[in-house]
Amino acid sequence: MTGKGSDPDQTSEDSRLVSLEERLDRAEAAEAKRTAGTASPESDANYRLGNRVLAELLGGLIGGALFGWLIDRIAGTSPWGLLGMLFMGIVVAFRNIIRIASGPRK
C-alpha cells in the first residue's frame, strides 16, 4: 500500500543522506589534498626506524628484568639477579641501538 516515494519522511531522509555523503566526499578530498605533500617515503622510513629503536630499548629492559626476576625466584638471590640482568638488558639494548644508528642508511 505504501510505496517508496509516497512517504514524505523517507524522501527527506534520503536527501539528508545524499547531503551527508556529499559533505563527506568534500571533506575526504580536502584531507587528501592537505596530507598529499606531507607523507613521504623518507618520513615513513624514519618512523619505522624510531619504532625499531623503541622496540630494542623496551625489549632489552623488559627482557633483562624478566630473566633477572626468574633467576631470583629460582636461585633465591633477590634482588641481585634482577639488578644484574636488568643492567645486562640495558647494555644489550644500547649496543643494539648504537649498531642501528651506525649502520648503513637505506
PDB file of N, CA and C in Angstrom:
ATOM      1  N   MET A   1       0.813  -1.171   0.000  1.00  0.00           N
ATOM      2  CA  MET A   1       0.000   0.000   0.000  1.00  0.00           C
ATOM      3  C   MET A   1       0.872   1.255   0.000  1.00  0.00           C
ATOM      4  N   THR A   2       1.900   1.236   0.774  1.00  0.00           N
ATOM      5  CA  THR A   2       2.784   2.400   0.827  1.00  0.00           C
ATOM      6  C   THR A   2       3.957   2.153  -0.099  1.00  0.00           C
ATOM      7  N   GLY A   3       4.167   3.013  -1.056  1.00  0.00           N
ATOM      8  CA  GLY A   3       5.275   2.893  -1.989  1.00  0.00           C
ATOM      9  C   GLY A   3       6.492   3.646  -1.462  1.00  0.00           C
ATOM     10  N   LYS A   4       7.593   3.510  -2.193  1.00  0.00           N
ATOM     11  CA  LYS A   4       8.821   4.161  -1.753  1.00  0.00           C
ATOM     12  C   LYS A   4       8.709   5.684  -1.799  1.00  0.00           C
ATOM     13  N   GLY A   5       8.100   6.219  -2.792  1.00  0.00           N
ATOM     14  CA  GLY A   5       8.052   7.663  -2.962  1.00  0.00           C
ATOM     15  C   GLY A   5       6.908   8.328  -2.228  1.00  0.00           C
ATOM     16  N   SER A   6       5.968   7.560  -1.663  1.00  0.00           N
ATOM     17  CA  SER A   6       4.793   8.176  -1.078  1.00  0.00           C
ATOM     18  C   SER A   6       5.009   8.629   0.358  1.00  0.00           C
ATOM     19  N   ASP A   7       6.057   8.169   1.029  1.00  0.00           N
ATOM     20  CA  ASP A   7       6.297   8.544   2.420  1.00  0.00           C
ATOM     21  C   ASP A   7       7.154   9.805   2.465  1.00  0.00           C
ATOM     22  N   PRO A   8       6.643  10.922   2.992  1.00  0.00           N
ATOM     23  CA  PRO A   8       7.416  12.167   2.999  1.00  0.00           C
ATOM     24  C   PRO A   8       8.643  12.096   3.903  1.00  0.00           C
ATOM     25  N   ASP A   9       8.593  11.302   4.980  1.00  0.00           N
ATOM     26  CA  ASP A   9       9.745  11.185   5.870  1.00  0.00           C
ATOM     27  C   ASP A   9      10.904  10.483   5.173  1.00  0.00           C
ATOM     28  N   GLN A  10      10.597   9.515   4.356  1.00  0.00           N
ATOM     29  CA  GLN A  10      11.648   8.762   3.677  1.00  0.00           C
ATOM     30  C   GLN A  10      12.358   9.627   2.632  1.00  0.00           C
ATOM     31  N   THR A  11      11.647  10.457   1.928  1.00  0.00           N
ATOM     32  CA  THR A  11      12.292  11.309   0.931  1.00  0.00           C
ATOM     33  C   THR A  11      13.183  12.347   1.601  1.00  0.00           C
ATOM     34  N   SER A  12      12.737  12.892   2.731  1.00  0.00           N
ATOM     35  CA  SER A  12      13.577  13.872   3.420  1.00  0.00           C
ATOM     36  C   SER A  12      14.805  13.192   4.022  1.00  0.00           C
ATOM     37  N   GLU A  13      14.651  11.954   4.460  1.00  0.00           N
ATOM     38  CA  GLU A  13      15.794  11.215   4.992  1.00  0.00           C
ATOM     39  C   GLU A  13      16.790  10.904   3.880  1.00  0.00           C
ATOM     40  N   ASP A  14      16.291  10.566   2.688  1.00  0.00           N
ATOM     41  CA  ASP A  14      17.176  10.305   1.559  1.00  0.00           C
ATOM     42  C   ASP A  14      17.948  11.560   1.178  1.00  0.00           C
ATOM     43  N   SER A  15      17.311  12.705   1.182  1.00  0.00           N
ATOM     44  CA  SER A  15      18.014  13.943   0.831  1.00  0.00           C
ATOM     45  C   SER A  15      19.058  14.291   1.882  1.00  0.00           C
ATOM     46  N   ARG A  16      18.794  13.986   3.146  1.00  0.00           N
ATOM     47  CA  ARG A  16      19.787  14.219   4.190  1.00  0.00           C
ATOM     48  C   ARG A  16      20.983  13.295   4.010  1.00  0.00           C
ATOM     49  N   LEU A  17      20.733  12.049   3.635  1.00  0.00           N
ATOM     50  CA  LEU A  17      21.829  11.112   3.404  1.00  0.00           C
ATOM     51  C   LEU A  17      22.680  11.533   2.211  1.00  0.00           C
ATOM     52  N   VAL A  18      22.021  11.999   1.154  1.00  0.00           N
ATOM     53  CA  VAL A  18      22.757  12.465  -0.028  1.00  0.00           C
ATOM     54  C   VAL A  18      23.599  13.682   0.342  1.00  0.00           C
ATOM     55  N   SER A  19      23.033  14.589   1.114  1.00  0.00           N
ATOM     56  CA  SER A  19      23.766  15.775   1.546  1.00  0.00           C
ATOM     57  C   SER A  19      24.959  15.378   2.419  1.00  0.00           C
ATOM     58  N   LEU A  20      24.747  14.427   3.303  1.00  0.00           N
ATOM     59  CA  LEU A  20      25.833  13.953   4.168  1.00  0.00           C
ATOM     60  C   LEU A  20      26.945  13.310   3.354  1.00  0.00           C
ATOM     61  N   GLU A  21      26.581  12.493   2.384  1.00  0.00           N
ATOM     62  CA  GLU A  21      27.585  11.854   1.534  1.00  0.00           C
ATOM     63  C   GLU A  21      28.373  12.884   0.735  1.00  0.00           C
ATOM     64  N   GLU A  22      27.705  13.913   0.252  1.00  0.00           N
ATOM     65  CA  GLU A  22      28.405  14.977  -0.485  1.00  0.00           C
ATOM     66  C   GLU A  22      29.387  15.713   0.414  1.00  0.00           C
ATOM     67  N   ARG A  23      28.977  16.009   1.645  1.00  0.00           N
ATOM     68  CA  ARG A  23      29.877  16.697   2.576  1.00  0.00           C
ATOM     69  C   ARG A  23      31.047  15.807   2.961  1.00  0.00           C
ATOM     70  N   LEU A  24      30.805  14.523   3.142  1.00  0.00           N
ATOM     71  CA  LEU A  24      31.896  13.590   3.448  1.00  0.00           C
ATOM     72  C   LEU A  24      32.887  13.500   2.295  1.00  0.00           C
ATOM     73  N   ASP A  25      32.371  13.453   1.080  1.00  0.00           N
ATOM     74  CA  ASP A  25      33.258  13.406  -0.094  1.00  0.00           C
ATOM     75  C   ASP A  25      34.122  14.663  -0.177  1.00  0.00           C
ATOM     76  N   ARG A  26      33.525  15.830   0.077  1.00  0.00           N
ATOM     77  CA  ARG A  26      34.299  17.069   0.046  1.00  0.00           C
ATOM     78  C   ARG A  26      35.351  17.084   1.148  1.00  0.00           C
ATOM     79  N   ALA A  27      34.984  16.606   2.338  1.00  0.00           N
ATOM     80  CA  ALA A  27      35.934  16.587   3.451  1.00  0.00           C
ATOM     81  C   ALA A  27      37.080  15.615   3.171  1.00  0.00           C
ATOM     82  N   GLU A  28      36.778  14.454   2.601  1.00  0.00           N
ATOM     83  CA  GLU A  28      37.824  13.488   2.263  1.00  0.00           C
ATOM     84  C   GLU A  28      38.754  14.040   1.188  1.00  0.00           C
ATOM     85  N   ALA A  29      38.203  14.724   0.201  1.00  0.00           N
ATOM     86  CA  ALA A  29      39.031  15.317  -0.843  1.00  0.00           C
ATOM     87  C   ALA A  29      39.926  16.411  -0.271  1.00  0.00           C
ATOM     88  N   ALA A  30      39.395  17.228   0.632  1.00  0.00           N
ATOM     89  CA  ALA A  30      40.196  18.288   1.254  1.00  0.00           C
ATOM     90  C   ALA A  30      41.299  17.684   2.119  1.00  0.00           C
ATOM     91  N   GLU A  31      41.003  16.633   2.837  1.00  0.00           N
ATOM     92  CA  GLU A  31      42.009  15.973   3.672  1.00  0.00           C
ATOM     93  C   GLU A  31      43.082  15.317   2.819  1.00  0.00           C
ATOM     94  N   ALA A  32      42.696  14.701   1.721  1.00  0.00           N
ATOM     95  CA  ALA A  32      43.677  14.079   0.824  1.00  0.00           C
ATOM     96  C   ALA A  32      44.596  15.134   0.226  1.00  0.00           C
ATOM     97  N   LYS A  33      44.046  16.299  -0.132  1.00  0.00           N
ATOM     98  CA  LYS A  33      44.866  17.371  -0.691  1.00  0.00           C
ATOM     99  C   LYS A  33      45.799  17.937   0.373  1.00  0.00           C
ATOM    100  N   ARG A  34      45.306  18.039   1.613  1.00  0.00           N
ATOM    101  CA  ARG A  34      46.112  18.594   2.702  1.00  0.00           C
ATOM    102  C   ARG A  34      47.275  17.686   3.071  1.00  0.00           C
ATOM    103  N   THR A  35      47.060  16.379   3.085  1.00  0.00           N
ATOM    104  CA  THR A  35      48.100  15.439   3.508  1.00  0.00           C
ATOM    105  C   THR A  35      48.910  14.876   2.356  1.00  0.00           C
ATOM    106  N   ALA A  36      48.635  15.268   1.137  1.00  0.00           N
ATOM    107  CA  ALA A  36      49.348  14.693  -0.007  1.00  0.00           C
ATOM    108  C   ALA A  36      50.826  15.051   0.012  1.00  0.00           C
ATOM    109  N   GLY A  37      51.178  16.250   0.403  1.00  0.00           N
ATOM    110  CA  GLY A  37      52.569  16.674   0.381  1.00  0.00           C
ATOM    111  C   GLY A  37      53.352  16.264   1.611  1.00  0.00           C
ATOM    112  N   THR A  38      52.685  15.911   2.709  1.00  0.00           N
ATOM    113  CA  THR A  38      53.399  15.628   3.952  1.00  0.00           C
ATOM    114  C   THR A  38      53.885  14.200   4.053  1.00  0.00           C
ATOM    115  N   ALA A  39      53.210  13.256   3.484  1.00  0.00           N
ATOM    116  CA  ALA A  39      53.614  11.852   3.592  1.00  0.00           C
ATOM    117  C   ALA A  39      54.653  11.540   2.531  1.00  0.00           C
ATOM    118  N   SER A  40      55.861  11.229   2.976  1.00  0.00           N
ATOM    119  CA  SER A  40      56.923  10.900   2.043  1.00  0.00           C
ATOM    120  C   SER A  40      57.559   9.587   2.476  1.00  0.00           C
ATOM    121  N   PRO A  41      58.208   8.897   1.552  1.00  0.00           N
ATOM    122  CA  PRO A  41      58.868   7.644   1.921  1.00  0.00           C
ATOM    123  C   PRO A  41      59.951   7.839   2.985  1.00  0.00           C
ATOM    124  N   GLU A  42      60.603   9.004   2.963  1.00  0.00           N
ATOM    125  CA  GLU A  42      61.659   9.244   3.958  1.00  0.00           C
ATOM    126  C   GLU A  42      61.078   9.350   5.357  1.00  0.00           C
ATOM    127  N   SER A  43      59.959  10.049   5.514  1.00  0.00           N
ATOM    128  CA  SER A  43      59.354  10.162   6.840  1.00  0.00           C
ATOM    129  C   SER A  43      58.819   8.814   7.304  1.00  0.00           C
ATOM    130  N   ASP A  44      58.338   8.007   6.382  1.00  0.00           N
ATOM    131  CA  ASP A  44      57.873   6.672   6.737  1.00  0.00           C
ATOM    132  C   ASP A  44      59.034   5.803   7.205  1.00  0.00           C
ATOM    133  N   ALA A  45      60.181   5.919   6.546  1.00  0.00           N
ATOM    134  CA  ALA A  45      61.361   5.153   6.952  1.00  0.00           C
ATOM    135  C   ALA A  45      61.849   5.615   8.316  1.00  0.00           C
ATOM    136  N   ASN A  46      61.812   6.914   8.568  1.00  0.00           N
ATOM    137  CA  ASN A  46      62.222   7.430   9.878  1.00  0.00           C
ATOM    138  C   ASN A  46      61.281   6.949  10.968  1.00  0.00           C
ATOM    139  N   TYR A  47      60.000   6.884  10.670  1.00  0.00           N
ATOM    140  CA  TYR A  47      59.021   6.389  11.631  1.00  0.00           C
ATOM    141  C   TYR A  47      59.292   4.924  11.974  1.00  0.00           C
ATOM    142  N   ARG A  48      59.583   4.118  10.959  1.00  0.00           N
ATOM    143  CA  ARG A  48      59.900   2.706  11.198  1.00  0.00           C
ATOM    144  C   ARG A  48      61.182   2.556  12.003  1.00  0.00           C
ATOM    145  N   LEU A  49      62.185   3.383  11.716  1.00  0.00           N
ATOM    146  CA  LEU A  49      63.439   3.337  12.451  1.00  0.00           C
ATOM    147  C   LEU A  49      63.224   3.717  13.916  1.00  0.00           C
ATOM    148  N   GLY A  50      62.418   4.717  14.161  1.00  0.00           N
ATOM    149  CA  GLY A  50      62.100   5.111  15.537  1.00  0.00           C
ATOM    150  C   GLY A  50      61.383   4.000  16.286  1.00  0.00           C
ATOM    151  N   ASN A  51      60.460   3.336  15.617  1.00  0.00           N
ATOM    152  CA  ASN A  51      59.769   2.215  16.249  1.00  0.00           C
ATOM    153  C   ASN A  51      60.722   1.068  16.553  1.00  0.00           C
ATOM    154  N   ARG A  52      61.676   0.832  15.661  1.00  0.00           N
ATOM    155  CA  ARG A  52      62.651  -0.234  15.879  1.00  0.00           C
ATOM    156  C   ARG A  52      63.545   0.081  17.079  1.00  0.00           C
ATOM    157  N   VAL A  53      63.989   1.328  17.192  1.00  0.00           N
ATOM    158  CA  VAL A  53      64.818   1.730  18.328  1.00  0.00           C
ATOM    159  C   VAL A  53      64.033   1.595  19.627  1.00  0.00           C
ATOM    160  N   LEU A  54      62.780   2.030  19.625  1.00  0.00           N
ATOM    161  CA  LEU A  54      61.943   1.908  20.817  1.00  0.00           C
ATOM    162  C   LEU A  54      61.740   0.443  21.199  1.00  0.00           C
ATOM    163  N   ALA A  55      61.527  -0.416  20.221  1.00  0.00           N
ATOM    164  CA  ALA A  55      61.350  -1.839  20.498  1.00  0.00           C
ATOM    165  C   ALA A  55      62.619  -2.451  21.070  1.00  0.00           C
ATOM    166  N   GLU A  56      63.776  -2.059  20.553  1.00  0.00           N
ATOM    167  CA  GLU A  56      65.046  -2.562  21.097  1.00  0.00           C
ATOM    168  C   GLU A  56      65.221  -2.138  22.548  1.00  0.00           C
ATOM    169  N   LEU A  57      64.926  -0.887  22.839  1.00  0.00           N
ATOM    170  CA  LEU A  57      65.098  -0.379  24.193  1.00  0.00           C
ATOM    171  C   LEU A  57      64.147  -1.066  25.166  1.00  0.00           C
ATOM    172  N   LEU A  58      62.884  -1.132  24.813  1.00  0.00           N
ATOM    173  CA  LEU A  58      61.908  -1.775  25.693  1.00  0.00           C
ATOM    174  C   LEU A  58      62.169  -3.272  25.820  1.00  0.00           C
ATOM    175  N   GLY A  59      62.559  -3.907  24.718  1.00  0.00           N
ATOM    176  CA  GLY A  59      62.845  -5.335  24.754  1.00  0.00           C
ATOM    177  C   GLY A  59      64.013  -5.658  25.666  1.00  0.00           C
ATOM    178  N   GLY A  60      65.062  -4.840  25.601  1.00  0.00           N
ATOM    179  CA  GLY A  60      66.215  -5.061  26.471  1.00  0.00           C
ATOM    180  C   GLY A  60      65.864  -4.884  27.930  1.00  0.00           C
ATOM    181  N   LEU A  61      65.135  -3.828  28.234  1.00  0.00           N
ATOM    182  CA  LEU A  61      64.763  -3.565  29.629  1.00  0.00           C
ATOM    183  C   LEU A  61      63.806  -4.623  30.174  1.00  0.00           C
ATOM    184  N   ILE A  62      62.764  -4.909  29.436  1.00  0.00           N
ATOM    185  CA  ILE A  62      61.760  -5.863  29.911  1.00  0.00           C
ATOM    186  C   ILE A  62      62.324  -7.278  29.933  1.00  0.00           C
ATOM    187  N   GLY A  63      63.076  -7.643  28.891  1.00  0.00           N
ATOM    188  CA  GLY A  63      63.668  -8.978  28.851  1.00  0.00           C
ATOM    189  C   GLY A  63      64.668  -9.193  29.967  1.00  0.00           C
ATOM    190  N   GLY A  64      65.535  -8.200  30.204  1.00  0.00           N
ATOM    191  CA  GLY A  64      66.501  -8.318  31.296  1.00  0.00           C
ATOM    192  C   GLY A  64      65.820  -8.411  32.648  1.00  0.00           C
ATOM    193  N   ALA A  65      64.810  -7.588  32.852  1.00  0.00           N
ATOM    194  CA  ALA A  65      64.085  -7.621  34.124  1.00  0.00           C
ATOM    195  C   ALA A  65      63.370  -8.957  34.316  1.00  0.00           C
ATOM    196  N   LEU A  66      62.793  -9.491  33.274  1.00  0.00           N
ATOM    197  CA  LEU A  66      62.086 -10.768  33.378  1.00  0.00           C
ATOM    198  C   LEU A  66      63.046 -11.910  33.689  1.00  0.00           C
ATOM    199  N   PHE A  67      64.164 -11.971  32.955  1.00  0.00           N
ATOM    200  CA  PHE A  67      65.141 -13.032  33.231  1.00  0.00           C
ATOM    201  C   PHE A  67      65.746 -12.877  34.622  1.00  0.00           C
ATOM    202  N   GLY A  68      66.010 -11.667  35.037  1.00  0.00           N
ATOM    203  CA  GLY A  68      66.539 -11.438  36.382  1.00  0.00           C
ATOM    204  C   GLY A  68      65.564 -11.862  37.459  1.00  0.00           C
ATOM    205  N   TRP A  69      64.300 -11.555  37.256  1.00  0.00           N
ATOM    206  CA  TRP A  69      63.283 -11.956  38.226  1.00  0.00           C
ATOM    207  C   TRP A  69      63.183 -13.482  38.298  1.00  0.00           C
ATOM    208  N   LEU A  70      63.252 -14.137  37.130  1.00  0.00           N
ATOM    209  CA  LEU A  70      63.207 -15.603  37.121  1.00  0.00           C
ATOM    210  C   LEU A  70      64.420 -16.198  37.834  1.00  0.00           C
ATOM    211  N   ILE A  71      65.588 -15.626  37.608  1.00  0.00           N
ATOM    212  CA  ILE A  71      66.787 -16.117  38.295  1.00  0.00           C
ATOM    213  C   ILE A  71      66.634 -15.936  39.801  1.00  0.00           C
ATOM    214  N   ASP A  72      66.113 -14.799  40.226  1.00  0.00           N
ATOM    215  CA  ASP A  72      65.889 -14.568  41.650  1.00  0.00           C
ATOM    216  C   ASP A  72      64.909 -15.567  42.240  1.00  0.00           C
ATOM    217  N   ARG A  73      63.863 -15.880  41.510  1.00  0.00           N
ATOM    218  CA  ARG A  73      62.866 -16.837  42.014  1.00  0.00           C
ATOM    219  C   ARG A  73      63.449 -18.239  42.128  1.00  0.00           C
ATOM    220  N   ILE A  74      64.249 -18.628  41.135  1.00  0.00           N
ATOM    221  CA  ILE A  74      64.805 -19.981  41.129  1.00  0.00           C
ATOM    222  C   ILE A  74      65.964 -20.104  42.112  1.00  0.00           C
ATOM    223  N   ALA A  75      66.901 -19.160  42.084  1.00  0.00           N
ATOM    224  CA  ALA A  75      68.122 -19.264  42.885  1.00  0.00           C
ATOM    225  C   ALA A  75      67.996 -18.596  44.250  1.00  0.00           C
ATOM    226  N   GLY A  76      66.979 -17.798  44.464  1.00  0.00           N
ATOM    227  CA  GLY A  76      66.797 -17.126  45.746  1.00  0.00           C
ATOM    228  C   GLY A  76      67.843 -16.050  46.000  1.00  0.00           C
ATOM    229  N   THR A  77      68.258 -15.348  44.976  1.00  0.00           N
ATOM    230  CA  THR A  77      69.303 -14.332  45.102  1.00  0.00           C
ATOM    231  C   THR A  77      68.741 -12.921  45.059  1.00  0.00           C
ATOM    232  N   SER A  78      67.530 -12.753  45.475  1.00  0.00           N
ATOM    233  CA  SER A  78      66.851 -11.473  45.370  1.00  0.00           C
ATOM    234  C   SER A  78      67.637 -10.377  46.070  1.00  0.00           C
ATOM    235  N   PRO A  79      67.808  -9.249  45.526  1.00  0.00           N
ATOM    236  CA  PRO A  79      67.459  -8.633  44.256  1.00  0.00           C
ATOM    237  C   PRO A  79      68.605  -8.639  43.255  1.00  0.00           C
ATOM    238  N   TRP A  80      69.680  -9.376  43.534  1.00  0.00           N
ATOM    239  CA  TRP A  80      70.888  -9.265  42.719  1.00  0.00           C
ATOM    240  C   TRP A  80      70.711  -9.830  41.315  1.00  0.00           C
ATOM    241  N   GLY A  81      69.962 -10.879  41.145  1.00  0.00           N
ATOM    242  CA  GLY A  81      69.712 -11.406  39.800  1.00  0.00           C
ATOM    243  C   GLY A  81      68.949 -10.408  38.949  1.00  0.00           C
ATOM    244  N   LEU A  82      67.927  -9.794  39.539  1.00  0.00           N
ATOM    245  CA  LEU A  82      67.139  -8.795  38.831  1.00  0.00           C
ATOM    246  C   LEU A  82      68.004  -7.600  38.442  1.00  0.00           C
ATOM    247  N   LEU A  83      68.795  -7.096  39.388  1.00  0.00           N
ATOM    248  CA  LEU A  83      69.626  -5.927  39.099  1.00  0.00           C
ATOM    249  C   LEU A  83      70.693  -6.243  38.055  1.00  0.00           C
ATOM    250  N   GLY A  84      71.321  -7.394  38.184  1.00  0.00           N
ATOM    251  CA  GLY A  84      72.359  -7.767  37.226  1.00  0.00           C
ATOM    252  C   GLY A  84      71.812  -7.950  35.816  1.00  0.00           C
ATOM    253  N   MET A  85      70.721  -8.667  35.688  1.00  0.00           N
ATOM    254  CA  MET A  85      70.145  -8.912  34.368  1.00  0.00           C
ATOM    255  C   MET A  85      69.501  -7.646  33.784  1.00  0.00           C
ATOM    256  N   LEU A  86      68.965  -6.791  34.644  1.00  0.00           N
ATOM    257  CA  LEU A  86      68.438  -5.523  34.155  1.00  0.00           C
ATOM    258  C   LEU A  86      69.571  -4.675  33.585  1.00  0.00           C
ATOM    259  N   PHE A  87      70.713  -4.650  34.263  1.00  0.00           N
ATOM    260  CA  PHE A  87      71.872  -3.931  33.753  1.00  0.00           C
ATOM    261  C   PHE A  87      72.334  -4.539  32.433  1.00  0.00           C
ATOM    262  N   MET A  88      72.364  -5.866  32.343  1.00  0.00           N
ATOM    263  CA  MET A  88      72.758  -6.526  31.090  1.00  0.00           C
ATOM    264  C   MET A  88      71.770  -6.196  29.974  1.00  0.00           C
ATOM    265  N   GLY A  89      70.491  -6.149  30.286  1.00  0.00           N
ATOM    266  CA  GLY A  89      69.483  -5.786  29.285  1.00  0.00           C
ATOM    267  C   GLY A  89      69.674  -4.374  28.774  1.00  0.00           C
ATOM    268  N   ILE A  90      70.025  -3.448  29.668  1.00  0.00           N
ATOM    269  CA  ILE A  90      70.283  -2.070  29.261  1.00  0.00           C
ATOM    270  C   ILE A  90      71.495  -2.005  28.347  1.00  0.00           C
ATOM    271  N   VAL A  91      72.559  -2.741  28.712  1.00  0.00           N
ATOM    272  CA  VAL A  91      73.780  -2.755  27.898  1.00  0.00           C
ATOM    273  C   VAL A  91      73.479  -3.306  26.509  1.00  0.00           C
ATOM    274  N   VAL A  92      72.757  -4.408  26.450  1.00  0.00           N
ATOM    275  CA  VAL A  92      72.424  -5.018  25.153  1.00  0.00           C
ATOM    276  C   VAL A  92      71.536  -4.086  24.333  1.00  0.00           C
ATOM    277  N   ALA A  93      70.568  -3.439  24.974  1.00  0.00           N
ATOM    278  CA  ALA A  93      69.674  -2.526  24.252  1.00  0.00           C
ATOM    279  C   ALA A  93      70.459  -1.359  23.665  1.00  0.00           C
ATOM    280  N   PHE A  94      71.341  -0.755  24.446  1.00  0.00           N
ATOM    281  CA  PHE A  94      72.124   0.367  23.920  1.00  0.00           C
ATOM    282  C   PHE A  94      73.105  -0.082  22.847  1.00  0.00           C
ATOM    283  N   ARG A  95      73.671  -1.282  22.989  1.00  0.00           N
ATOM    284  CA  ARG A  95      74.553  -1.795  21.941  1.00  0.00           C
ATOM    285  C   ARG A  95      73.780  -1.957  20.636  1.00  0.00           C
ATOM    286  N   ASN A  96      72.572  -2.489  20.703  1.00  0.00           N
ATOM    287  CA  ASN A  96      71.753  -2.648  19.506  1.00  0.00           C
ATOM    288  C   ASN A  96      71.347  -1.304  18.907  1.00  0.00           C
ATOM    289  N   ILE A  97      71.033  -0.328  19.755  1.00  0.00           N
ATOM    290  CA  ILE A  97      70.652   0.992  19.258  1.00  0.00           C
ATOM    291  C   ILE A  97      71.838   1.661  18.578  1.00  0.00           C
ATOM    292  N   ILE A  98      73.035   1.532  19.161  1.00  0.00           N
ATOM    293  CA  ILE A  98      74.229   2.105  18.534  1.00  0.00           C
ATOM    294  C   ILE A  98      74.508   1.411  17.210  1.00  0.00           C
ATOM    295  N   ARG A  99      74.316   0.098  17.169  1.00  0.00           N
ATOM    296  CA  ARG A  99      74.525  -0.643  15.919  1.00  0.00           C
ATOM    297  C   ARG A  99      73.524  -0.203  14.847  1.00  0.00           C
ATOM    298  N   ILE A 100      72.283   0.037  15.236  1.00  0.00           N
ATOM    299  CA  ILE A 100      71.274   0.518  14.279  1.00  0.00           C
ATOM    300  C   ILE A 100      71.654   1.906  13.777  1.00  0.00           C
ATOM    301  N   ALA A 101      72.084   2.777  14.688  1.00  0.00           N
ATOM    302  CA  ALA A 101      72.400   4.157  14.310  1.00  0.00           C
ATOM    303  C   ALA A 101      73.639   4.244  13.425  1.00  0.00           C
ATOM    304  N   SER A 102      74.604   3.361  13.630  1.00  0.00           N
ATOM    305  CA  SER A 102      75.828   3.445  12.848  1.00  0.00           C
ATOM    306  C   SER A 102      75.782   2.578  11.598  1.00  0.00           C
ATOM    307  N   GLY A 103      74.690   1.877  11.377  1.00  0.00           N
ATOM    308  CA  GLY A 103      74.550   1.019  10.212  1.00  0.00           C
ATOM    309  C   GLY A 103      74.351   1.815   8.943  1.00  0.00           C
ATOM    310  N   PRO A 104      74.385   1.140   7.808  1.00  0.00           N
ATOM    311  CA  PRO A 104      74.202   1.832   6.530  1.00  0.00           C
ATOM    312  C   PRO A 104      72.778   2.353   6.391  1.00  0.00           C
ATOM    313  N   ARG A 105      72.657   3.522   5.811  1.00  0.00           N
ATOM    314  CA  ARG A 105      71.335   4.105   5.538  1.00  0.00           C
ATOM    315  C   ARG A 105      70.762   3.477   4.296  1.00  0.00           C
ATOM    316  N   LYS A 106      69.468   3.206   4.328  1.00  0.00           N
ATOM    317  CA  LYS A 106      68.814   2.585   3.163  1.00  0.00           C
ATOM    318  C   LYS A 106      68.023   3.594   2.410  1.00  0.00           C
TER     319      LYS A 106
END
